[in-house]
């Protein structure tokens, strides 16, 4: 599907973009992979690792519509990964978060429509479901923009969908590298916000493979949610350092005790597939799609009314052994 195609990744120098690039180069023969981001140092460092002739590195910000249009000319597929993601920082810098996560999303949509991109997948977060922090609220707004974009494309071919998942094991913004650094520094206890706090967890590779497959699955307008395990933050800390103590420091600004990826209020829109869920659009599109049958021929069935996919009531839990195995993989 991606061989001979041009793929653009916004925020492409992040953990997701690097892994996505690695897997694209390993499994396919794309014509171009365009890394679109605003940090020249990160682009320089990434170019030392990924220097295949298909690679293109473009300095730009999703806040800049004209630059996005130039970058998307001739592009077939777009992965929108650029975002301001740090919850406490977003709480203290709200307008900056809004400019990137909401205005930037609108710019990606406008550029994709104008340039005739075939398919766009925007990366979301569990924090977008019933948000209590600014980051989650901006990502919910972004999700709504990408879903509704399918209704303004007219006769153009561009389709937009969203992928929503939980914390990424070992990614740059994850707590795991922070814990590992503290362990190396010889601390006697690890800081844990709240001992009952739970989170969904997914590896970078699992996240990338899920996004890749959803390009084939998508009709346009879906929010794809993978079935992934949960783990308490206390168990996470003890798995990484079983001999160390923990210090409960309290929930940070904007944090939830548990995360939800599918709220109860969306249960009437939710379809369950073998390894994932699909939240159907709440609005009626000008084109009619049967979301119970995806582009791969997989069939989904409606969940029960009142169903909620939450990290504390999840049926799948990550053990310490499984966590360490995933980190070593």
Protein backbone atom coordinates (compact mmCIF):
# COMPACT_ATOMS: atom_id res chain seq x y z
CA UNK A 1 0.00 0.00 0.00
CA UNK A 2 2.86 2.40 0.77
CA UNK A 3 5.38 1.26 -1.83
CA UNK A 4 5.90 3.93 -4.48
CA UNK A 5 3.85 6.43 -2.44
CA UNK A 6 4.68 9.75 -0.80
CA UNK A 7 4.08 9.84 2.98
CA UNK A 8 4.29 12.92 5.22
CA UNK A 9 4.58 12.79 9.00
CA UNK A 10 3.95 15.96 10.99
CA UNK A 11 5.98 16.02 14.19
CA UNK A 12 8.04 13.35 12.47
CA UNK A 13 11.15 13.70 14.65
CA UNK A 14 9.29 12.43 17.73
CA UNK A 15 9.35 8.88 19.05
CA UNK A 16 6.39 7.84 16.90
CA UNK A 17 7.74 9.42 13.73
CA UNK A 18 11.11 7.71 14.07
CA UNK A 19 9.57 4.28 14.63
CA UNK A 20 7.05 4.84 11.82
CA UNK A 21 9.91 5.76 9.47
CA UNK A 22 11.92 2.71 10.54
CA UNK A 23 9.04 0.33 9.83
CA UNK A 24 8.10 2.01 6.52
CA UNK A 25 11.68 1.64 5.28
CA UNK A 26 11.89 -1.95 6.50
CA UNK A 27 8.59 -3.22 5.06
CA UNK A 28 7.89 -0.99 2.05
CA UNK A 29 9.61 0.97 -0.69
CA UNK A 30 8.07 4.42 -0.46
CA UNK A 31 8.88 7.04 -3.06
CA UNK A 32 9.23 9.75 -0.40
CA UNK A 33 8.98 9.98 3.37
CA UNK A 34 8.67 13.64 4.36
CA UNK A 35 9.53 14.53 7.94
CA UNK A 36 7.77 17.80 8.75
CA UNK A 37 8.76 19.40 12.06
CA UNK A 38 10.08 22.62 13.53
CA UNK A 39 13.27 21.52 15.31
CA UNK A 40 16.34 21.62 13.06
CA UNK A 41 18.57 19.82 15.57
CA UNK A 42 16.19 16.87 15.86
CA UNK A 43 15.92 16.73 12.07
CA UNK A 44 19.72 16.76 11.74
CA UNK A 45 20.05 13.96 14.31
CA UNK A 46 17.30 11.89 12.67
CA UNK A 47 18.92 12.34 9.24
CA UNK A 48 22.09 10.71 10.56
CA UNK A 49 20.06 7.54 11.19
CA UNK A 50 17.53 7.64 8.34
CA UNK A 51 19.38 8.86 5.26
CA UNK A 52 17.81 6.72 2.52
CA UNK A 53 17.35 8.48 -0.79
CA UNK A 54 13.57 8.62 -0.24
CA UNK A 55 13.93 10.72 2.92
CA UNK A 56 13.01 14.41 2.91
CA UNK A 57 13.35 16.73 5.90
CA UNK A 58 11.27 19.90 5.89
CA UNK A 59 11.41 22.55 8.59
CA UNK A 60 7.92 23.81 9.31
CA UNK A 61 5.22 24.31 11.92
CA UNK A 62 1.65 23.05 11.67
CA UNK A 63 0.63 26.57 12.68
CA UNK A 64 1.86 27.70 9.23
CA UNK A 65 -0.75 26.75 6.61
CA UNK A 66 1.27 27.93 3.61
CA UNK A 67 4.27 25.83 4.62
CA UNK A 68 2.02 22.78 5.11
CA UNK A 69 0.60 23.20 1.61
CA UNK A 70 4.09 23.28 0.12
CA UNK A 71 5.03 20.16 2.09
CA UNK A 72 1.89 18.20 1.09
CA UNK A 73 2.08 18.79 -2.64
CA UNK A 74 2.03 15.34 -4.30
CA UNK A 75 1.61 13.51 -0.96
CA UNK A 76 -0.64 10.41 -0.81
CA UNK A 77 -0.77 9.70 2.94
CA UNK A 78 -0.40 11.98 5.98
CA UNK A 79 0.14 10.97 9.61
CA UNK A 80 -0.53 13.93 11.88
CA UNK A 81 1.59 13.35 15.00
CA UNK A 82 2.57 16.94 15.83
CA UNK A 83 1.17 18.18 19.14
CA UNK A 84 2.03 19.85 22.42
CA UNK A 85 1.52 16.90 24.77
CA UNK A 86 2.87 17.68 28.24
CA UNK A 87 -0.16 17.98 30.54
CA UNK A 88 1.15 20.37 33.25
CA UNK A 89 2.97 22.55 30.67
CA UNK A 90 -0.23 22.83 28.65
CA UNK A 91 -2.10 23.92 31.78
CA UNK A 92 0.34 26.82 32.22
CA UNK A 93 0.59 27.70 28.52
CA UNK A 94 -2.97 27.20 27.28
CA UNK A 95 -2.93 29.39 24.18
CA UNK A 96 0.24 27.79 22.85
CA UNK A 97 -1.37 24.36 23.21
CA UNK A 98 -4.52 25.60 21.42
CA UNK A 99 -2.52 27.13 18.56
CA UNK A 100 -0.70 23.88 17.85
CA UNK A 101 -3.27 21.22 18.71
CA UNK A 102 -6.44 22.89 17.37
CA UNK A 103 -5.36 25.53 14.86
CA UNK A 104 -2.62 23.20 13.64
CA UNK A 105 -5.16 20.41 13.12
CA UNK A 106 -7.35 22.74 11.06
CA UNK A 107 -4.34 23.68 8.95
CA UNK A 108 -3.46 20.02 8.31
CA UNK A 109 -7.04 19.43 7.13
CA UNK A 110 -7.08 22.47 4.84
CA UNK A 111 -3.70 21.62 3.33
CA UNK A 112 -4.65 17.97 2.77
CA UNK A 113 -7.89 18.94 1.00
CA UNK A 114 -6.20 21.53 -1.19
CA UNK A 115 -3.34 19.20 -2.14
CA UNK A 116 -5.54 16.17 -2.86
CA UNK A 117 -4.04 13.86 -0.22
CA UNK A 118 -5.71 10.43 -0.33
CA UNK A 119 -5.84 9.56 3.38
CA UNK A 120 -5.02 11.32 6.65
CA UNK A 121 -4.77 9.71 10.08
CA UNK A 122 -4.48 11.96 13.13
CA UNK A 123 -2.98 10.59 16.33
CA UNK A 124 -5.08 11.20 19.43
CA UNK A 125 -4.85 10.23 23.09
CA UNK A 126 -6.90 8.66 25.85
CA UNK A 127 -6.92 12.11 27.43
CA UNK A 128 -9.31 13.30 24.67
CA UNK A 129 -12.14 11.17 26.15
CA UNK A 130 -14.03 13.07 28.86
CA UNK A 131 -11.11 15.53 29.17
CA UNK A 132 -10.34 17.32 32.41
CA UNK A 133 -7.10 18.96 31.25
CA UNK A 134 -6.35 21.42 28.46
CA UNK A 135 -4.27 18.95 26.48
CA UNK A 136 -7.14 16.47 26.41
CA UNK A 137 -9.64 19.21 25.53
CA UNK A 138 -7.53 20.37 22.58
CA UNK A 139 -7.15 16.80 21.32
CA UNK A 140 -10.90 16.23 21.62
CA UNK A 141 -11.42 19.36 19.52
CA UNK A 142 -8.82 18.07 17.05
CA UNK A 143 -10.59 14.69 16.84
CA UNK A 144 -13.88 16.44 16.10
CA UNK A 145 -12.23 18.51 13.37
CA UNK A 146 -10.76 15.46 11.63
CA UNK A 147 -14.03 13.50 11.80
CA UNK A 148 -16.08 16.43 10.48
CA UNK A 149 -13.53 17.09 7.71
CA UNK A 150 -15.02 14.15 5.82
CA UNK A 151 -18.17 16.25 5.35
CA UNK A 152 -16.43 19.21 3.70
CA UNK A 153 -14.37 17.36 1.14
CA UNK A 154 -17.11 17.51 -1.49
CA UNK A 155 -16.03 15.56 -4.55
CA UNK A 156 -12.41 15.40 -3.40
CA UNK A 157 -10.94 12.02 -2.52
CA UNK A 158 -9.36 12.91 0.84
CA UNK A 159 -10.51 10.78 3.80
CA UNK A 160 -9.75 11.56 7.43
CA UNK A 161 -9.69 9.23 10.45
CA UNK A 162 -8.31 9.25 13.99
CA UNK A 163 -6.31 6.74 16.04
CA UNK A 164 -6.66 7.03 19.83
CA UNK A 165 -4.46 5.09 22.22
CA UNK A 166 -2.84 5.27 25.64
CA UNK A 167 0.65 5.87 27.04
CA UNK A 168 3.51 4.68 24.85
CA UNK A 169 6.08 2.52 26.66
CA UNK A 170 9.49 4.17 26.62
CA UNK A 171 8.52 7.13 24.43
CA UNK A 172 10.18 10.49 25.02
CA UNK A 173 7.31 11.79 27.15
CA UNK A 174 6.76 8.55 29.05
CA UNK A 175 7.40 8.19 32.77
CA UNK A 176 9.58 5.12 32.12
CA UNK A 177 12.73 6.97 30.90
CA UNK A 178 12.28 9.32 33.88
CA UNK A 179 12.14 6.39 36.31
CA UNK A 180 15.15 4.75 34.64
CA UNK A 181 17.19 7.93 34.99
CA UNK A 182 16.34 8.19 38.68
CA UNK A 183 17.31 4.53 39.19
CA UNK A 184 20.67 5.15 37.48
CA UNK A 185 21.22 8.17 39.73
CA UNK A 186 20.85 5.92 42.76
CA UNK A 187 17.67 7.27 44.33
CA UNK A 188 16.21 5.31 47.23
CA UNK A 189 12.58 5.73 46.21
CA UNK A 190 10.62 6.50 43.05
CA UNK A 191 7.97 9.26 42.97
CA UNK A 192 4.50 7.89 42.24
CA UNK A 193 1.60 10.31 41.88
CA UNK A 194 -1.08 8.01 43.35
CA UNK A 195 -0.85 4.31 44.15
CA UNK A 196 -4.25 3.46 42.62
CA UNK A 197 -3.62 5.40 39.38
CA UNK A 198 -3.93 3.29 36.22
CA UNK A 199 -2.95 3.86 32.61
CA UNK A 200 -3.32 2.10 29.26
CA UNK A 201 0.04 1.02 27.77
CA UNK A 202 1.16 0.29 24.21
CA UNK A 203 4.60 -0.12 22.65
CA UNK A 204 5.81 2.18 19.89
CA UNK A 205 5.89 -0.68 17.42
CA UNK A 206 2.35 -1.76 18.31
CA UNK A 207 1.16 1.82 17.85
CA UNK A 208 2.84 2.15 14.47
CA UNK A 209 1.52 -1.20 13.20
CA UNK A 210 -1.98 -0.21 14.33
CA UNK A 211 -1.80 3.06 12.40
CA UNK A 212 -0.39 1.35 9.30
CA UNK A 213 -3.22 -1.18 9.27
CA UNK A 214 -5.87 1.48 9.80
CA UNK A 215 -4.93 3.17 6.54
CA UNK A 216 -6.24 0.02 4.87
CA UNK A 217 -9.22 -0.31 7.23
CA UNK A 218 -10.53 3.26 7.13
CA UNK A 219 -13.55 4.63 5.31
CA UNK A 220 -13.12 8.10 6.82
CA UNK A 221 -14.66 9.46 10.01
CA UNK A 222 -13.80 6.61 12.38
CA UNK A 223 -11.90 6.84 15.64
CA UNK A 224 -9.87 3.63 15.97
CA UNK A 225 -9.08 2.41 19.50
CA UNK A 226 -6.79 -0.62 20.06
CA UNK A 227 -7.40 -3.23 22.74
CA UNK A 228 -4.37 -2.77 24.97
CA UNK A 229 -3.50 -3.66 28.60
CA UNK A 230 -3.57 -1.48 31.71
CA UNK A 231 -1.15 -1.22 34.62
CA UNK A 232 -1.12 0.72 37.88
CA UNK A 233 1.63 3.30 38.28
CA UNK A 234 2.64 1.61 41.52
CA UNK A 235 3.10 -1.75 39.78
CA UNK A 236 5.03 -0.01 37.01
CA UNK A 237 7.47 1.51 39.49
CA UNK A 238 7.92 -1.80 41.34
CA UNK A 239 8.47 -3.67 38.06
CA UNK A 240 11.31 -1.31 37.11
CA UNK A 241 12.86 -1.20 40.60
CA UNK A 242 11.55 -3.98 42.87
CA UNK A 243 14.09 -3.17 45.58
CA UNK A 244 13.32 0.55 45.81
CA UNK A 245 10.65 2.24 47.84
CA UNK A 246 8.04 4.63 46.46
CA UNK A 247 6.99 8.10 47.52
CA UNK A 248 3.41 9.21 46.86
CA UNK A 249 3.63 12.82 45.59
CA UNK A 250 0.01 13.50 44.60
CA UNK A 251 -1.75 13.98 41.28
CA UNK A 252 -0.24 16.71 39.10
CA UNK A 253 -2.26 19.56 37.57
CA UNK A 254 -4.70 18.23 34.98
CA UNK A 255 -4.09 14.54 35.67
CA UNK A 256 -6.79 11.89 35.99
CA UNK A 257 -6.75 8.95 38.37
CA UNK A 258 -7.77 6.64 35.51
CA UNK A 259 -7.94 7.15 31.75
CA UNK A 260 -10.89 6.42 29.48
CA UNK A 261 -10.55 5.73 25.76
CA UNK A 262 -14.25 5.16 25.06
CA UNK A 263 -16.69 6.99 27.36
CA UNK A 264 -20.14 5.62 28.13
CA UNK A 265 -21.72 8.45 26.17
CA UNK A 266 -20.13 7.04 22.99
CA UNK A 267 -21.25 3.45 23.59
CA UNK A 268 -24.12 3.76 21.10
CA UNK A 269 -21.56 4.65 18.42
CA UNK A 270 -18.98 1.99 19.28
CA UNK A 271 -18.26 -1.20 17.34
CA UNK A 272 -16.11 -4.01 18.68
CA UNK A 273 -13.70 -5.85 16.38
CA UNK A 274 -11.35 -8.69 17.30
CA UNK A 275 -8.39 -6.54 18.36
CA UNK A 276 -9.80 -3.03 18.40
CA UNK A 277 -12.85 -0.79 18.69
CA UNK A 278 -14.24 1.79 16.27
CA UNK A 279 -16.15 4.86 17.39
CA UNK A 280 -18.42 5.80 14.51
CA UNK A 281 -19.03 9.47 13.71
CA UNK A 282 -21.91 11.06 15.57
CA UNK A 283 -22.80 13.22 12.56
CA UNK A 284 -24.32 12.04 9.28
CA UNK A 285 -21.97 12.28 6.31
CA UNK A 286 -22.95 13.19 2.78
CA UNK A 287 -21.48 9.83 1.75
CA UNK A 288 -22.83 6.66 3.38
CA UNK A 289 -20.39 4.15 4.88
CA UNK A 290 -21.02 0.81 6.57
CA UNK A 291 -18.56 1.02 9.44
CA UNK A 292 -19.38 -2.53 10.58
CA UNK A 293 -17.28 -3.77 7.62
CA UNK A 294 -13.86 -2.20 7.18
CA UNK A 295 -11.51 -2.04 4.22
CA UNK A 296 -9.82 -5.29 5.25
CA UNK A 297 -13.12 -7.16 5.37
CA UNK A 298 -13.15 -7.31 9.19
CA UNK A 299 -16.58 -7.22 10.80
CA UNK A 300 -17.54 -5.32 13.93
CA UNK A 301 -20.54 -5.61 16.22
CA UNK A 302 -22.15 -2.95 18.43
CA UNK A 303 -21.13 -2.94 22.10
CA UNK A 304 -23.71 -2.90 24.88
CA UNK A 305 -25.29 0.44 25.76
CA UNK A 306 -23.35 2.00 28.64
CA UNK A 307 -20.08 0.26 27.71
CA UNK A 308 -16.97 2.16 28.82
CA UNK A 309 -13.35 1.37 27.98
CA UNK A 310 -11.45 2.57 31.05
CA UNK A 311 -7.97 1.77 32.34
CA UNK A 312 -9.23 0.72 35.78
CA UNK A 313 -11.97 -1.68 34.56
CA UNK A 314 -9.96 -3.06 31.65
CA UNK A 315 -10.08 -6.86 31.20
CA UNK A 316 -6.40 -6.94 30.16
CA UNK A 317 -3.60 -6.17 32.61
CA UNK A 318 0.14 -5.92 32.07
CA UNK A 319 2.26 -8.00 34.44
CA UNK A 320 5.75 -6.98 35.54
CA UNK A 321 7.23 -9.78 33.44
CA UNK A 322 5.31 -8.70 30.34
CA UNK A 323 6.29 -5.07 30.86
CA UNK A 324 10.00 -5.87 31.08
CA UNK A 325 9.76 -8.15 28.04
CA UNK A 326 8.14 -5.36 26.00
CA UNK A 327 10.81 -2.88 27.09
CA UNK A 328 13.59 -5.30 26.11
CA UNK A 329 12.05 -6.15 22.72
